[in-house]
């Protein structure tokens, strides 16, 4: 066990506005790094649509997001998370309301919405990569896990 792994939460939920980009990216990154050591899920305030740019930039890291289906916080069957990481202000407010009735820690990681970027395909992909890379750094710092087997 790597230093700090004993302090890892058992279940983590990443939440954003539409569960199309930021929260599925974050969940996929943590799953990639932690393997089965942490239960990880993602949801949005409301369910959006799968995002092809998010799928493309995650594929660059060898992480497949193509099977992700956006879900809303209200669609979750199990809310027994130890930690909810919110990535948008709207999701943060919803998570605080949810956590108020349960013993759940909530952390807010302000993360830009790359869909607000305009320009050509490469400029848009660059914005998505910046979000992906920022989440990757933050997750590695927050969740000190040795890489999962094969990573």
N, C-alpha and C. Protein backbone atom coordinates (compact mmCIF):
# COMPACT_ATOMS: atom_id res chain seq x y z
N UNK A 1 0.85 -1.17 0.00
CA UNK A 1 0.00 0.00 0.00
C UNK A 1 0.89 1.24 0.00
N UNK A 2 0.62 2.17 -0.88
CA UNK A 2 1.41 3.40 -0.98
C UNK A 2 1.10 4.32 0.20
N UNK A 3 2.01 5.21 0.54
CA UNK A 3 1.74 6.16 1.63
C UNK A 3 0.45 6.92 1.36
N UNK A 4 -0.40 7.02 2.37
CA UNK A 4 -1.65 7.75 2.24
C UNK A 4 -2.82 6.93 1.75
N UNK A 5 -2.57 5.73 1.20
CA UNK A 5 -3.67 4.93 0.67
C UNK A 5 -4.65 4.51 1.75
N UNK A 6 -4.20 4.36 2.98
CA UNK A 6 -5.10 3.96 4.05
C UNK A 6 -6.14 5.04 4.30
N UNK A 7 -5.84 6.29 3.92
CA UNK A 7 -6.76 7.41 4.14
C UNK A 7 -7.68 7.66 2.96
N UNK A 8 -7.65 6.82 1.97
CA UNK A 8 -8.49 7.03 0.79
C UNK A 8 -9.96 6.80 1.13
N UNK A 9 -10.85 7.60 0.51
CA UNK A 9 -12.27 7.33 0.69
C UNK A 9 -12.65 6.04 0.00
N UNK A 10 -13.68 5.38 0.49
CA UNK A 10 -14.12 4.13 -0.12
C UNK A 10 -14.97 4.34 -1.36
N UNK A 11 -15.69 5.47 -1.40
CA UNK A 11 -16.58 5.75 -2.53
C UNK A 11 -16.58 7.24 -2.82
N UNK A 12 -16.35 7.58 -4.10
CA UNK A 12 -16.26 8.98 -4.52
C UNK A 12 -17.23 9.22 -5.67
N UNK A 13 -17.93 10.34 -5.58
CA UNK A 13 -18.80 10.79 -6.66
C UNK A 13 -18.27 12.10 -7.19
N UNK A 14 -18.11 12.19 -8.52
CA UNK A 14 -17.77 13.44 -9.17
C UNK A 14 -19.06 13.99 -9.77
N UNK A 15 -19.32 15.28 -9.55
CA UNK A 15 -20.57 15.88 -10.04
C UNK A 15 -20.29 17.19 -10.77
N UNK A 16 -21.00 17.38 -11.86
CA UNK A 16 -20.94 18.64 -12.60
C UNK A 16 -22.35 18.98 -13.08
N UNK A 17 -22.46 19.81 -14.07
CA UNK A 17 -23.78 20.27 -14.50
C UNK A 17 -24.55 19.24 -15.31
N UNK A 18 -23.91 18.64 -16.33
CA UNK A 18 -24.63 17.73 -17.24
C UNK A 18 -24.05 16.32 -17.31
N UNK A 19 -22.99 16.05 -16.57
CA UNK A 19 -22.37 14.73 -16.57
C UNK A 19 -21.98 14.27 -17.98
N UNK A 20 -21.51 15.24 -18.77
CA UNK A 20 -21.10 14.93 -20.14
C UNK A 20 -19.59 15.04 -20.35
N UNK A 21 -18.93 15.92 -19.55
CA UNK A 21 -17.52 16.19 -19.80
C UNK A 21 -16.70 16.08 -18.52
N UNK A 22 -16.85 17.05 -17.64
CA UNK A 22 -15.97 17.17 -16.47
C UNK A 22 -16.09 15.99 -15.51
N UNK A 23 -17.28 15.68 -15.06
CA UNK A 23 -17.41 14.60 -14.07
C UNK A 23 -17.10 13.22 -14.65
N UNK A 24 -17.51 12.90 -15.88
CA UNK A 24 -17.10 11.59 -16.41
C UNK A 24 -15.59 11.50 -16.65
N UNK A 25 -14.97 12.61 -17.06
CA UNK A 25 -13.51 12.61 -17.21
C UNK A 25 -12.85 12.32 -15.87
N UNK A 26 -13.27 13.05 -14.83
CA UNK A 26 -12.67 12.87 -13.51
C UNK A 26 -12.88 11.45 -12.99
N UNK A 27 -14.08 10.93 -13.14
CA UNK A 27 -14.36 9.57 -12.67
C UNK A 27 -13.50 8.55 -13.43
N UNK A 28 -13.38 8.72 -14.72
CA UNK A 28 -12.58 7.78 -15.52
C UNK A 28 -11.10 7.85 -15.14
N UNK A 29 -10.61 9.05 -14.85
CA UNK A 29 -9.21 9.20 -14.45
C UNK A 29 -8.96 8.51 -13.12
N UNK A 30 -9.84 8.74 -12.13
CA UNK A 30 -9.64 8.10 -10.83
C UNK A 30 -9.77 6.59 -10.95
N UNK A 31 -10.71 6.10 -11.73
CA UNK A 31 -10.82 4.64 -11.94
C UNK A 31 -9.55 4.11 -12.57
N UNK A 32 -9.01 4.84 -13.52
CA UNK A 32 -7.78 4.44 -14.21
C UNK A 32 -6.62 4.34 -13.22
N UNK A 33 -6.53 5.32 -12.32
CA UNK A 33 -5.42 5.35 -11.38
C UNK A 33 -5.60 4.40 -10.19
N UNK A 34 -6.81 4.28 -9.70
CA UNK A 34 -7.06 3.51 -8.47
C UNK A 34 -7.53 2.09 -8.72
N UNK A 35 -7.92 1.78 -9.94
CA UNK A 35 -8.46 0.45 -10.19
C UNK A 35 -9.71 0.23 -9.36
N UNK A 36 -9.75 -0.87 -8.64
CA UNK A 36 -10.93 -1.20 -7.83
C UNK A 36 -10.77 -0.82 -6.37
N UNK A 37 -9.73 -0.07 -6.05
CA UNK A 37 -9.51 0.31 -4.65
C UNK A 37 -10.50 1.33 -4.14
N UNK A 38 -11.12 2.09 -5.04
CA UNK A 38 -12.11 3.09 -4.69
C UNK A 38 -13.30 2.90 -5.62
N UNK A 39 -14.53 2.92 -5.06
CA UNK A 39 -15.72 2.93 -5.90
C UNK A 39 -15.90 4.35 -6.41
N UNK A 40 -16.04 4.51 -7.72
CA UNK A 40 -16.11 5.84 -8.32
C UNK A 40 -17.33 5.90 -9.25
N UNK A 41 -18.06 7.02 -9.16
CA UNK A 41 -19.19 7.24 -10.05
C UNK A 41 -19.23 8.72 -10.41
N UNK A 42 -20.10 9.08 -11.33
CA UNK A 42 -20.27 10.48 -11.70
C UNK A 42 -21.73 10.74 -12.02
N UNK A 43 -22.12 11.99 -11.86
CA UNK A 43 -23.49 12.40 -12.17
C UNK A 43 -23.51 13.90 -12.40
N UNK A 44 -24.61 14.38 -12.96
CA UNK A 44 -24.78 15.81 -13.18
C UNK A 44 -26.03 16.31 -12.50
N UNK A 45 -26.16 17.60 -12.44
CA UNK A 45 -27.39 18.17 -11.90
C UNK A 45 -28.54 17.68 -12.78
N UNK A 46 -28.28 17.61 -14.07
CA UNK A 46 -29.20 16.99 -15.03
C UNK A 46 -28.35 16.22 -16.03
N UNK A 47 -28.94 15.28 -16.70
CA UNK A 47 -28.20 14.46 -17.67
C UNK A 47 -28.12 15.17 -19.02
N UNK A 48 -26.92 15.26 -19.54
CA UNK A 48 -26.71 15.84 -20.87
C UNK A 48 -26.61 14.73 -21.90
N UNK A 49 -25.80 14.97 -22.90
CA UNK A 49 -25.54 14.00 -23.96
C UNK A 49 -24.06 13.64 -23.97
N UNK A 50 -23.70 12.44 -24.43
CA UNK A 50 -22.27 12.11 -24.54
C UNK A 50 -21.57 13.15 -25.41
N UNK A 51 -20.34 13.49 -25.06
CA UNK A 51 -19.60 14.53 -25.74
C UNK A 51 -18.44 13.93 -26.54
N UNK A 52 -18.45 14.07 -27.86
CA UNK A 52 -17.39 13.45 -28.68
C UNK A 52 -15.99 14.03 -28.42
N UNK A 53 -15.90 15.30 -28.05
CA UNK A 53 -14.58 15.87 -27.75
C UNK A 53 -14.02 15.27 -26.46
N UNK A 54 -14.87 15.07 -25.46
CA UNK A 54 -14.42 14.45 -24.21
C UNK A 54 -13.93 13.03 -24.48
N UNK A 55 -14.67 12.31 -25.30
CA UNK A 55 -14.28 10.94 -25.65
C UNK A 55 -12.92 10.96 -26.36
N UNK A 56 -12.73 11.90 -27.28
CA UNK A 56 -11.49 11.97 -28.07
C UNK A 56 -10.28 12.28 -27.19
N UNK A 57 -10.39 13.26 -26.28
CA UNK A 57 -9.21 13.61 -25.48
C UNK A 57 -8.89 12.56 -24.43
N UNK A 58 -9.89 11.84 -23.96
CA UNK A 58 -9.61 10.76 -23.01
C UNK A 58 -8.98 9.57 -23.73
N UNK A 59 -9.38 9.34 -24.97
CA UNK A 59 -8.79 8.26 -25.77
C UNK A 59 -7.30 8.51 -25.97
N UNK A 60 -6.88 9.77 -26.02
CA UNK A 60 -5.46 10.09 -26.15
C UNK A 60 -4.65 9.54 -24.98
N UNK A 61 -5.29 9.34 -23.83
CA UNK A 61 -4.62 8.77 -22.66
C UNK A 61 -4.86 7.26 -22.54
N UNK A 62 -5.58 6.71 -23.50
CA UNK A 62 -5.90 5.29 -23.44
C UNK A 62 -7.06 4.98 -22.51
N UNK A 63 -7.90 5.98 -22.23
CA UNK A 63 -9.06 5.80 -21.36
C UNK A 63 -10.31 5.91 -22.23
N UNK A 64 -11.13 4.87 -22.21
CA UNK A 64 -12.31 4.81 -23.06
C UNK A 64 -13.53 5.38 -22.35
N UNK A 65 -14.03 6.50 -22.85
CA UNK A 65 -15.25 7.12 -22.31
C UNK A 65 -16.45 6.86 -23.21
N UNK A 66 -16.27 6.11 -24.28
CA UNK A 66 -17.34 5.95 -25.28
C UNK A 66 -18.58 5.26 -24.72
N UNK A 67 -18.44 4.48 -23.67
CA UNK A 67 -19.59 3.80 -23.09
C UNK A 67 -20.31 4.61 -22.02
N UNK A 68 -19.81 5.80 -21.71
CA UNK A 68 -20.43 6.61 -20.65
C UNK A 68 -21.79 7.14 -21.09
N UNK A 69 -22.77 6.98 -20.23
CA UNK A 69 -24.10 7.52 -20.45
C UNK A 69 -24.40 8.52 -19.34
N UNK A 70 -24.55 9.81 -19.68
CA UNK A 70 -24.79 10.82 -18.66
C UNK A 70 -25.99 10.50 -17.78
N UNK A 71 -25.84 10.77 -16.49
CA UNK A 71 -26.90 10.52 -15.51
C UNK A 71 -27.04 11.75 -14.62
N UNK A 72 -28.22 11.92 -14.07
CA UNK A 72 -28.49 13.01 -13.14
C UNK A 72 -28.31 12.53 -11.71
N UNK A 73 -28.02 13.46 -10.81
CA UNK A 73 -27.88 13.11 -9.39
C UNK A 73 -29.13 12.39 -8.89
N UNK A 74 -30.28 12.81 -9.34
CA UNK A 74 -31.53 12.18 -8.92
C UNK A 74 -31.69 10.75 -9.40
N UNK A 75 -30.89 10.35 -10.41
CA UNK A 75 -30.96 8.99 -10.95
C UNK A 75 -30.11 8.00 -10.16
N UNK A 76 -29.28 8.49 -9.24
CA UNK A 76 -28.39 7.60 -8.50
C UNK A 76 -29.20 6.66 -7.61
N UNK A 77 -28.89 5.38 -7.68
CA UNK A 77 -29.58 4.39 -6.85
C UNK A 77 -28.95 4.30 -5.47
N UNK A 78 -27.68 4.65 -5.39
CA UNK A 78 -26.95 4.55 -4.13
C UNK A 78 -26.26 5.89 -3.88
N UNK A 79 -26.52 6.48 -2.73
CA UNK A 79 -25.89 7.76 -2.40
C UNK A 79 -24.96 7.62 -1.19
N UNK A 80 -24.46 6.43 -0.98
CA UNK A 80 -23.58 6.20 0.17
C UNK A 80 -22.12 6.47 -0.20
N UNK A 81 -21.84 7.70 -0.58
CA UNK A 81 -20.50 8.12 -0.93
C UNK A 81 -19.82 8.71 0.30
N UNK A 82 -18.52 8.54 0.37
CA UNK A 82 -17.74 9.17 1.43
C UNK A 82 -17.38 10.61 1.04
N UNK A 83 -17.28 10.84 -0.26
CA UNK A 83 -16.83 12.13 -0.77
C UNK A 83 -17.54 12.44 -2.08
N UNK A 84 -18.02 13.68 -2.18
CA UNK A 84 -18.53 14.19 -3.46
C UNK A 84 -17.61 15.33 -3.87
N UNK A 85 -17.04 15.22 -5.06
CA UNK A 85 -16.21 16.29 -5.61
C UNK A 85 -17.05 16.99 -6.68
N UNK A 86 -17.32 18.27 -6.44
CA UNK A 86 -18.13 19.02 -7.39
C UNK A 86 -17.22 19.86 -8.28
N UNK A 87 -17.61 19.96 -9.54
CA UNK A 87 -16.77 20.61 -10.53
C UNK A 87 -17.43 21.85 -11.14
N UNK A 88 -18.66 22.14 -10.73
CA UNK A 88 -19.36 23.34 -11.20
C UNK A 88 -20.14 23.93 -10.03
N UNK A 89 -20.39 25.24 -10.04
CA UNK A 89 -21.13 25.84 -8.92
C UNK A 89 -22.51 25.22 -8.72
N UNK A 90 -23.20 24.97 -9.81
CA UNK A 90 -24.54 24.38 -9.74
C UNK A 90 -24.50 23.01 -9.05
N UNK A 91 -23.52 22.19 -9.42
CA UNK A 91 -23.39 20.86 -8.80
C UNK A 91 -23.00 20.99 -7.34
N UNK A 92 -22.21 21.99 -7.01
CA UNK A 92 -21.78 22.18 -5.62
C UNK A 92 -22.99 22.45 -4.72
N UNK A 93 -23.88 23.31 -5.16
CA UNK A 93 -25.08 23.62 -4.37
C UNK A 93 -25.94 22.37 -4.17
N UNK A 94 -26.12 21.60 -5.23
CA UNK A 94 -26.92 20.36 -5.13
C UNK A 94 -26.26 19.36 -4.20
N UNK A 95 -24.94 19.23 -4.30
CA UNK A 95 -24.23 18.26 -3.47
C UNK A 95 -24.29 18.65 -2.00
N UNK A 96 -24.19 19.94 -1.71
CA UNK A 96 -24.29 20.38 -0.31
C UNK A 96 -25.66 20.04 0.26
N UNK A 97 -26.70 20.18 -0.54
CA UNK A 97 -28.05 19.83 -0.09
C UNK A 97 -28.14 18.32 0.16
N UNK A 98 -27.56 17.53 -0.72
CA UNK A 98 -27.57 16.08 -0.55
C UNK A 98 -26.75 15.66 0.66
N UNK A 99 -25.59 16.26 0.82
CA UNK A 99 -24.70 15.91 1.92
C UNK A 99 -25.27 16.32 3.27
N UNK A 100 -26.13 17.33 3.26
CA UNK A 100 -26.72 17.80 4.51
C UNK A 100 -27.55 16.74 5.23
N UNK A 101 -28.06 15.79 4.48
CA UNK A 101 -28.88 14.74 5.09
C UNK A 101 -28.09 13.47 5.35
N UNK A 102 -26.86 13.41 4.88
CA UNK A 102 -26.00 12.24 5.06
C UNK A 102 -24.62 12.71 5.54
N UNK A 103 -23.83 11.81 6.03
CA UNK A 103 -22.46 12.14 6.46
C UNK A 103 -21.53 12.00 5.26
N UNK A 104 -21.57 12.99 4.37
CA UNK A 104 -20.77 12.97 3.15
C UNK A 104 -19.93 14.24 3.10
N UNK A 105 -18.63 14.09 2.86
CA UNK A 105 -17.77 15.25 2.67
C UNK A 105 -17.96 15.76 1.24
N UNK A 106 -17.91 17.08 1.08
CA UNK A 106 -18.05 17.70 -0.24
C UNK A 106 -16.86 18.62 -0.46
N UNK A 107 -16.21 18.48 -1.61
CA UNK A 107 -15.11 19.36 -2.01
C UNK A 107 -15.49 20.01 -3.32
N UNK A 108 -15.19 21.30 -3.43
CA UNK A 108 -15.46 22.03 -4.66
C UNK A 108 -14.16 22.29 -5.40
N UNK A 109 -14.07 21.75 -6.62
CA UNK A 109 -12.92 21.98 -7.49
C UNK A 109 -13.41 22.77 -8.70
N UNK A 110 -13.39 24.10 -8.66
CA UNK A 110 -13.87 24.87 -9.81
C UNK A 110 -13.14 24.44 -11.08
N UNK A 111 -13.90 24.02 -12.06
CA UNK A 111 -13.32 23.50 -13.30
C UNK A 111 -14.04 24.15 -14.48
N UNK A 112 -13.30 24.77 -15.38
CA UNK A 112 -13.96 25.45 -16.51
C UNK A 112 -14.72 24.48 -17.40
N UNK A 113 -15.77 25.00 -18.00
CA UNK A 113 -16.56 24.23 -18.95
C UNK A 113 -15.96 24.44 -20.33
N UNK A 114 -15.36 23.40 -20.93
CA UNK A 114 -14.70 23.61 -22.22
C UNK A 114 -15.66 23.88 -23.37
N UNK A 115 -16.96 23.65 -23.17
CA UNK A 115 -17.92 23.94 -24.25
C UNK A 115 -18.07 25.44 -24.47
N UNK A 116 -17.54 26.24 -23.55
CA UNK A 116 -17.61 27.70 -23.69
C UNK A 116 -16.53 28.22 -24.65
N UNK A 117 -15.65 27.33 -25.10
CA UNK A 117 -14.56 27.69 -26.01
C UNK A 117 -15.07 27.71 -27.44
N UNK A 118 -14.69 28.73 -28.18
CA UNK A 118 -15.03 28.77 -29.60
C UNK A 118 -13.74 28.69 -30.40
N UNK A 119 -13.90 28.47 -31.67
CA UNK A 119 -12.74 28.38 -32.54
C UNK A 119 -12.80 27.13 -33.39
N UNK A 120 -11.65 26.78 -33.95
CA UNK A 120 -11.61 25.59 -34.80
C UNK A 120 -11.50 24.33 -33.94
N UNK A 121 -11.52 23.19 -34.58
CA UNK A 121 -11.50 21.91 -33.86
C UNK A 121 -10.29 21.80 -32.93
N UNK A 122 -9.13 22.20 -33.39
CA UNK A 122 -7.92 22.08 -32.57
C UNK A 122 -7.98 23.00 -31.35
N UNK A 123 -8.54 24.19 -31.50
CA UNK A 123 -8.68 25.09 -30.35
C UNK A 123 -9.65 24.52 -29.32
N UNK A 124 -10.72 23.91 -29.79
CA UNK A 124 -11.69 23.30 -28.88
C UNK A 124 -11.06 22.10 -28.18
N UNK A 125 -10.38 21.25 -28.94
CA UNK A 125 -9.70 20.10 -28.33
C UNK A 125 -8.67 20.55 -27.30
N UNK A 126 -7.99 21.65 -27.57
CA UNK A 126 -7.01 22.17 -26.63
C UNK A 126 -7.68 22.55 -25.30
N UNK A 127 -8.86 23.13 -25.36
CA UNK A 127 -9.60 23.49 -24.13
C UNK A 127 -10.00 22.23 -23.37
N UNK A 128 -10.41 21.21 -24.07
CA UNK A 128 -10.78 19.94 -23.43
C UNK A 128 -9.56 19.28 -22.80
N UNK A 129 -8.43 19.34 -23.51
CA UNK A 129 -7.19 18.77 -22.95
C UNK A 129 -6.78 19.50 -21.68
N UNK A 130 -6.94 20.81 -21.66
CA UNK A 130 -6.59 21.59 -20.47
C UNK A 130 -7.44 21.16 -19.28
N UNK A 131 -8.72 20.92 -19.50
CA UNK A 131 -9.60 20.45 -18.42
C UNK A 131 -9.16 19.06 -17.98
N UNK A 132 -8.94 18.18 -18.94
CA UNK A 132 -8.50 16.81 -18.64
C UNK A 132 -7.21 16.81 -17.84
N UNK A 133 -6.23 17.57 -18.29
CA UNK A 133 -4.93 17.57 -17.63
C UNK A 133 -5.00 18.19 -16.24
N UNK A 134 -5.82 19.23 -16.09
CA UNK A 134 -6.01 19.83 -14.77
C UNK A 134 -6.65 18.85 -13.80
N UNK A 135 -7.66 18.12 -14.27
CA UNK A 135 -8.31 17.11 -13.43
C UNK A 135 -7.32 16.00 -13.08
N UNK A 136 -6.53 15.57 -14.04
CA UNK A 136 -5.56 14.50 -13.81
C UNK A 136 -4.58 14.90 -12.70
N UNK A 137 -4.04 16.12 -12.79
CA UNK A 137 -3.10 16.60 -11.76
C UNK A 137 -3.77 16.66 -10.39
N UNK A 138 -4.97 17.21 -10.34
CA UNK A 138 -5.67 17.38 -9.07
C UNK A 138 -6.01 16.03 -8.46
N UNK A 139 -6.44 15.09 -9.27
CA UNK A 139 -6.81 13.75 -8.78
C UNK A 139 -5.58 13.03 -8.25
N UNK A 140 -4.47 13.11 -8.97
CA UNK A 140 -3.24 12.46 -8.49
C UNK A 140 -2.79 13.04 -7.16
N UNK A 141 -2.98 14.34 -6.98
CA UNK A 141 -2.60 15.00 -5.74
C UNK A 141 -3.55 14.63 -4.59
N UNK A 142 -4.84 14.60 -4.88
CA UNK A 142 -5.86 14.37 -3.83
C UNK A 142 -5.96 12.91 -3.42
N UNK A 143 -5.77 12.00 -4.37
CA UNK A 143 -5.92 10.57 -4.12
C UNK A 143 -4.59 9.88 -4.34
N UNK A 144 -3.77 9.76 -3.29
CA UNK A 144 -2.43 9.21 -3.44
C UNK A 144 -2.44 7.67 -3.59
N UNK A 145 -2.67 7.24 -4.80
CA UNK A 145 -2.69 5.80 -5.08
C UNK A 145 -1.52 5.45 -5.97
N UNK A 146 -0.95 4.31 -5.70
CA UNK A 146 0.01 3.78 -6.66
C UNK A 146 -0.82 3.41 -7.89
N UNK A 147 -0.26 3.45 -9.04
CA UNK A 147 -1.01 3.16 -10.26
C UNK A 147 -1.64 1.77 -10.19
N UNK A 148 -2.78 1.67 -10.81
CA UNK A 148 -3.46 0.38 -10.90
C UNK A 148 -2.62 -0.56 -11.76
N UNK A 149 -2.80 -1.87 -11.60
CA UNK A 149 -2.04 -2.82 -12.41
C UNK A 149 -2.17 -2.50 -13.90
N UNK A 150 -1.06 -2.52 -14.58
CA UNK A 150 -1.06 -2.27 -16.01
C UNK A 150 -1.03 -0.80 -16.39
N UNK A 151 -0.92 0.11 -15.39
CA UNK A 151 -0.91 1.54 -15.68
C UNK A 151 0.50 2.06 -15.57
